[in-house]
Amino acid sequence: MRSVIKMIGKNIKLARVKKDWSQADLAHLLNVEQAYVSRIESGAVAVSCERIYEIMNLLDCDTVDIFPPISTVRNNVS
């Protein structure tokens, strides 16, 4: 499942960069340290679904922007 966590982190980073926000910007809005956002984006830490939805709301994106398609997950886990 580590690869799924990395894919989600990468997609969060893409959505953040698309919005032209720094990690510090997102961290401030989440009321967390910038290093925590960095660990999320690198896949170093598993983040709760509740936190992911909070991030999606802030970045104004949808589940398809953050969660990888199941076919991609299957291909990377197999």
N, C-alpha and C. Protein backbone atom coordinates (compact mmCIF):
# COMPACT_ATOMS: atom_id res chain seq x y z
N MET A 1 0.81 -1.21 0.00
CA MET A 1 0.00 0.00 0.00
C MET A 1 0.84 1.26 0.00
N ARG A 2 2.13 1.13 0.30
CA ARG A 2 3.00 2.30 0.32
C ARG A 2 2.96 3.03 -1.01
N SER A 3 2.86 2.28 -2.13
CA SER A 3 2.84 2.94 -3.44
C SER A 3 1.58 3.79 -3.61
N VAL A 4 0.46 3.36 -3.01
CA VAL A 4 -0.78 4.14 -3.07
C VAL A 4 -0.61 5.44 -2.31
N ILE A 5 0.02 5.36 -1.14
CA ILE A 5 0.27 6.55 -0.34
C ILE A 5 1.14 7.53 -1.11
N LYS A 6 2.13 7.01 -1.82
CA LYS A 6 3.00 7.87 -2.62
C LYS A 6 2.24 8.52 -3.78
N MET A 7 1.36 7.75 -4.42
CA MET A 7 0.56 8.30 -5.53
C MET A 7 -0.36 9.41 -5.04
N ILE A 8 -1.01 9.19 -3.90
CA ILE A 8 -1.88 10.21 -3.32
C ILE A 8 -1.08 11.46 -2.98
N GLY A 9 0.09 11.27 -2.37
CA GLY A 9 0.94 12.41 -2.04
C GLY A 9 1.37 13.19 -3.27
N LYS A 10 1.73 12.46 -4.32
CA LYS A 10 2.14 13.12 -5.57
C LYS A 10 0.98 13.93 -6.15
N ASN A 11 -0.23 13.36 -6.09
CA ASN A 11 -1.39 14.07 -6.63
C ASN A 11 -1.75 15.29 -5.80
N ILE A 12 -1.56 15.20 -4.49
CA ILE A 12 -1.78 16.38 -3.64
C ILE A 12 -0.79 17.47 -4.02
N LYS A 13 0.46 17.08 -4.23
CA LYS A 13 1.47 18.06 -4.63
C LYS A 13 1.11 18.70 -5.97
N LEU A 14 0.69 17.90 -6.93
CA LEU A 14 0.30 18.45 -8.24
C LEU A 14 -0.84 19.45 -8.11
N ALA A 15 -1.84 19.11 -7.29
CA ALA A 15 -2.97 20.02 -7.10
C ALA A 15 -2.53 21.30 -6.40
N ARG A 16 -1.62 21.17 -5.46
CA ARG A 16 -1.12 22.36 -4.74
C ARG A 16 -0.33 23.26 -5.67
N VAL A 17 0.55 22.67 -6.47
CA VAL A 17 1.37 23.45 -7.40
C VAL A 17 0.49 24.11 -8.46
N LYS A 18 -0.53 23.38 -8.92
CA LYS A 18 -1.47 23.94 -9.90
C LYS A 18 -2.15 25.19 -9.35
N LYS A 19 -2.38 25.21 -8.06
CA LYS A 19 -3.00 26.37 -7.41
C LYS A 19 -1.96 27.45 -7.09
N ASP A 20 -0.69 27.16 -7.37
CA ASP A 20 0.42 28.07 -7.13
C ASP A 20 0.61 28.38 -5.66
N TRP A 21 0.44 27.35 -4.83
CA TRP A 21 0.64 27.47 -3.40
C TRP A 21 1.94 26.78 -3.01
N SER A 22 2.60 27.31 -2.01
CA SER A 22 3.77 26.64 -1.44
C SER A 22 3.28 25.62 -0.41
N GLN A 23 4.18 24.75 0.00
CA GLN A 23 3.85 23.83 1.09
C GLN A 23 3.49 24.62 2.35
N ALA A 24 4.19 25.71 2.57
CA ALA A 24 3.92 26.54 3.74
C ALA A 24 2.52 27.13 3.69
N ASP A 25 2.07 27.52 2.49
CA ASP A 25 0.71 28.05 2.34
C ASP A 25 -0.33 27.01 2.76
N LEU A 26 -0.17 25.80 2.22
CA LEU A 26 -1.12 24.74 2.55
C LEU A 26 -1.03 24.37 4.03
N ALA A 27 0.18 24.29 4.55
CA ALA A 27 0.37 23.96 5.96
C ALA A 27 -0.33 24.97 6.86
N HIS A 28 -0.22 26.24 6.53
CA HIS A 28 -0.86 27.29 7.32
C HIS A 28 -2.38 27.09 7.37
N LEU A 29 -2.96 26.80 6.21
CA LEU A 29 -4.41 26.60 6.15
C LEU A 29 -4.86 25.34 6.88
N LEU A 30 -3.97 24.34 6.92
CA LEU A 30 -4.28 23.09 7.62
C LEU A 30 -3.93 23.17 9.10
N ASN A 31 -3.24 24.24 9.48
CA ASN A 31 -2.77 24.41 10.86
C ASN A 31 -1.82 23.29 11.27
N VAL A 32 -0.88 22.99 10.35
CA VAL A 32 0.16 21.99 10.60
C VAL A 32 1.50 22.58 10.19
N GLU A 33 2.57 21.88 10.50
CA GLU A 33 3.92 22.30 10.09
C GLU A 33 4.12 22.01 8.60
N GLN A 34 4.94 22.83 7.97
CA GLN A 34 5.28 22.62 6.56
C GLN A 34 5.92 21.25 6.34
N ALA A 35 6.70 20.80 7.30
CA ALA A 35 7.35 19.50 7.19
C ALA A 35 6.33 18.36 7.10
N TYR A 36 5.19 18.52 7.75
CA TYR A 36 4.14 17.50 7.68
C TYR A 36 3.57 17.44 6.26
N VAL A 37 3.35 18.59 5.65
CA VAL A 37 2.87 18.62 4.26
C VAL A 37 3.91 17.96 3.35
N SER A 38 5.16 18.23 3.59
CA SER A 38 6.23 17.60 2.81
C SER A 38 6.19 16.08 2.94
N ARG A 39 5.98 15.59 4.15
CA ARG A 39 5.92 14.13 4.37
C ARG A 39 4.69 13.53 3.70
N ILE A 40 3.58 14.25 3.70
CA ILE A 40 2.38 13.77 2.99
C ILE A 40 2.69 13.65 1.50
N GLU A 41 3.24 14.71 0.94
CA GLU A 41 3.49 14.73 -0.50
C GLU A 41 4.53 13.72 -0.95
N SER A 42 5.46 13.39 -0.08
CA SER A 42 6.48 12.40 -0.44
C SER A 42 6.02 10.97 -0.17
N GLY A 43 4.88 10.82 0.48
CA GLY A 43 4.39 9.49 0.80
C GLY A 43 5.05 8.89 2.01
N ALA A 44 5.73 9.70 2.79
CA ALA A 44 6.42 9.22 3.98
C ALA A 44 5.47 8.97 5.15
N VAL A 45 4.29 9.55 5.08
CA VAL A 45 3.31 9.40 6.15
C VAL A 45 1.94 9.10 5.53
N ALA A 46 1.23 8.16 6.13
CA ALA A 46 -0.13 7.88 5.70
C ALA A 46 -1.03 8.95 6.33
N VAL A 47 -1.87 9.51 5.53
CA VAL A 47 -2.73 10.59 5.99
C VAL A 47 -4.17 10.08 6.05
N SER A 48 -4.93 10.54 7.02
CA SER A 48 -6.30 10.07 7.18
C SER A 48 -7.18 10.54 6.03
N CYS A 49 -8.25 9.81 5.81
CA CYS A 49 -9.22 10.21 4.79
C CYS A 49 -9.81 11.58 5.12
N GLU A 50 -10.05 11.81 6.39
CA GLU A 50 -10.61 13.09 6.81
C GLU A 50 -9.67 14.23 6.41
N ARG A 51 -8.36 14.05 6.63
CA ARG A 51 -7.38 15.07 6.28
C ARG A 51 -7.30 15.23 4.76
N ILE A 52 -7.38 14.13 4.04
CA ILE A 52 -7.33 14.22 2.57
C ILE A 52 -8.51 15.04 2.06
N TYR A 53 -9.69 14.80 2.62
CA TYR A 53 -10.85 15.57 2.19
C TYR A 53 -10.73 17.05 2.57
N GLU A 54 -10.10 17.32 3.68
CA GLU A 54 -9.84 18.71 4.06
C GLU A 54 -8.89 19.35 3.04
N ILE A 55 -7.87 18.63 2.65
CA ILE A 55 -6.92 19.13 1.63
C ILE A 55 -7.63 19.33 0.30
N MET A 56 -8.46 18.37 -0.08
CA MET A 56 -9.19 18.50 -1.35
C MET A 56 -10.09 19.73 -1.34
N ASN A 57 -10.73 19.98 -0.22
CA ASN A 57 -11.59 21.16 -0.11
C ASN A 57 -10.78 22.44 -0.27
N LEU A 58 -9.64 22.51 0.41
CA LEU A 58 -8.79 23.70 0.33
C LEU A 58 -8.25 23.91 -1.09
N LEU A 59 -7.86 22.81 -1.73
CA LEU A 59 -7.27 22.91 -3.07
C LEU A 59 -8.32 22.94 -4.17
N ASP A 60 -9.59 22.83 -3.77
CA ASP A 60 -10.71 22.87 -4.71
C ASP A 60 -10.54 21.81 -5.80
N CYS A 61 -10.32 20.57 -5.36
CA CYS A 61 -10.19 19.49 -6.32
C CYS A 61 -11.13 18.35 -5.93
N ASP A 62 -11.22 17.38 -6.80
CA ASP A 62 -12.15 16.27 -6.61
C ASP A 62 -11.39 14.99 -6.32
N THR A 63 -12.12 13.96 -5.96
CA THR A 63 -11.48 12.69 -5.63
C THR A 63 -10.65 12.15 -6.79
N VAL A 64 -11.12 12.33 -8.02
CA VAL A 64 -10.36 11.81 -9.17
C VAL A 64 -9.03 12.54 -9.35
N ASP A 65 -8.90 13.72 -8.77
CA ASP A 65 -7.65 14.46 -8.84
C ASP A 65 -6.63 13.94 -7.83
N ILE A 66 -7.08 13.31 -6.77
CA ILE A 66 -6.21 12.89 -5.68
C ILE A 66 -6.02 11.38 -5.62
N PHE A 67 -7.13 10.64 -5.69
CA PHE A 67 -7.04 9.19 -5.58
C PHE A 67 -6.77 8.56 -6.94
N PRO A 68 -5.74 7.69 -7.02
CA PRO A 68 -5.42 7.07 -8.31
C PRO A 68 -6.49 6.06 -8.71
N PRO A 69 -6.67 5.85 -10.02
CA PRO A 69 -7.63 4.83 -10.46
C PRO A 69 -7.20 3.45 -9.96
N ILE A 70 -8.15 2.61 -9.67
CA ILE A 70 -7.86 1.28 -9.14
C ILE A 70 -6.98 0.49 -10.10
N SER A 71 -7.14 0.70 -11.40
CA SER A 71 -6.29 -0.01 -12.37
C SER A 71 -4.83 0.36 -12.21
N THR A 72 -4.56 1.60 -11.90
CA THR A 72 -3.18 2.04 -11.67
C THR A 72 -2.64 1.42 -10.40
N VAL A 73 -3.46 1.34 -9.38
CA VAL A 73 -3.04 0.73 -8.12
C VAL A 73 -2.74 -0.74 -8.34
N ARG A 74 -3.61 -1.44 -9.05
CA ARG A 74 -3.39 -2.86 -9.31
C ARG A 74 -2.08 -3.08 -10.05
N ASN A 75 -1.82 -2.26 -11.04
CA ASN A 75 -0.60 -2.41 -11.84
C ASN A 75 0.66 -2.16 -11.02
N ASN A 76 0.59 -1.27 -10.05
CA ASN A 76 1.75 -0.95 -9.23
C ASN A 76 1.95 -1.88 -8.05
N VAL A 77 0.89 -2.56 -7.64
CA VAL A 77 0.98 -3.47 -6.51
C VAL A 77 1.35 -4.87 -6.97
N SER A 78 0.92 -5.22 -8.16
CA SER A 78 1.16 -6.58 -8.67
C SER A 78 2.61 -6.86 -8.92
